[in-house]
């Protein structure tokens, strides 16, 4: 799966879990500061990502932007 495909799925999940407009989500969007996603929403997004991609996200340290999330998922998919 390409990073662009992952980005589209991540955007869709963020929209579903938070109600944020897809047009406001960019790779460089800071999840907390730019998108105003609270910790409960982040938890729900991560759970959905784990279910959709069949991966585990144990520690979201270092994941600040949507791009960081896409890169993390891409990396997890490439080692599985």
Protein backbone atom coordinates (compact mmCIF):
# COMPACT_ATOMS: atom_id res chain seq x y z
CA UNK A 1 0.00 0.00 0.00
CA UNK A 2 1.39 3.42 -0.94
CA UNK A 3 1.70 6.36 1.43
CA UNK A 4 -0.94 8.20 -0.62
CA UNK A 5 -3.39 5.33 -0.13
CA UNK A 6 -2.62 5.25 3.59
CA UNK A 7 -3.07 9.04 3.79
CA UNK A 8 -6.53 8.77 2.21
CA UNK A 9 -7.57 6.07 4.70
CA UNK A 10 -6.13 8.04 7.63
CA UNK A 11 -8.02 11.16 6.50
CA UNK A 12 -11.26 9.18 6.22
CA UNK A 13 -10.81 7.76 9.73
CA UNK A 14 -10.05 11.21 11.19
CA UNK A 15 -13.19 12.61 9.51
CA UNK A 16 -15.33 9.74 10.81
CA UNK A 17 -14.02 9.98 14.37
CA UNK A 18 -13.85 13.78 14.73
CA UNK A 19 -16.16 15.36 12.15
CA UNK A 20 -13.32 17.51 10.82
CA UNK A 21 -13.66 18.38 7.15
CA UNK A 22 -11.41 16.31 4.86
CA UNK A 23 -10.26 19.53 3.15
CA UNK A 24 -8.66 20.69 6.42
CA UNK A 25 -6.45 17.62 6.82
CA UNK A 26 -2.94 17.78 5.35
CA UNK A 27 0.20 15.70 5.88
CA UNK A 28 1.78 18.56 7.84
CA UNK A 29 -1.33 19.15 10.01
CA UNK A 30 -0.49 18.89 13.69
CA UNK A 31 -3.09 16.51 15.11
CA UNK A 32 -3.59 18.34 18.41
CA UNK A 33 -2.79 21.96 17.51
CA UNK A 34 -4.04 22.33 13.93
CA UNK A 35 -6.93 19.87 14.02
CA UNK A 36 -7.84 20.39 17.71
CA UNK A 37 -8.20 16.63 18.23
CA UNK A 38 -8.47 15.78 21.92
CA UNK A 39 -6.99 12.70 23.59
CA UNK A 40 -10.26 10.72 23.43
CA UNK A 41 -10.55 11.35 19.69
CA UNK A 42 -6.89 10.38 19.22
CA UNK A 43 -7.57 7.14 21.10
CA UNK A 44 -10.54 6.40 18.82
CA UNK A 45 -8.56 7.24 15.67
CA UNK A 46 -5.72 4.94 16.78
CA UNK A 47 -8.14 2.11 17.57
CA UNK A 48 -9.71 2.43 14.14
CA UNK A 49 -6.28 2.54 12.45
CA UNK A 50 -5.28 -0.62 14.29
CA UNK A 51 -8.47 -2.36 13.15
CA UNK A 52 -8.31 -1.16 9.54
CA UNK A 53 -4.62 -1.87 8.99
CA UNK A 54 -4.26 -4.86 11.37
CA UNK A 55 -1.34 -3.20 13.18
CA UNK A 56 -0.53 -2.24 16.76
CA UNK A 57 0.20 1.31 17.83
CA UNK A 58 1.59 0.82 21.32
CA UNK A 59 3.14 4.23 21.80
CA UNK A 60 2.20 7.32 19.84
CA UNK A 61 5.27 9.23 21.06
CA UNK A 62 6.73 11.15 18.15
CA UNK A 63 3.45 11.14 16.24
CA UNK A 64 2.48 14.79 16.09
CA UNK A 65 1.35 15.32 12.52
CA UNK A 66 -0.89 13.42 10.15
CA UNK A 67 2.26 12.71 8.11
CA UNK A 68 3.91 11.14 11.15
CA UNK A 69 0.88 8.87 11.49
CA UNK A 70 0.99 7.93 7.79
CA UNK A 71 4.72 7.17 8.01
CA UNK A 72 4.21 5.06 11.13
CA UNK A 73 1.43 3.01 9.51
CA UNK A 74 3.48 2.63 6.32
CA UNK A 75 6.46 1.40 8.32
CA UNK A 76 4.32 -1.08 10.28
CA UNK A 77 2.82 -2.45 7.09
CA UNK A 78 6.25 -2.86 5.50
CA UNK A 79 7.63 -4.94 8.40
CA UNK A 80 4.58 -7.22 8.65
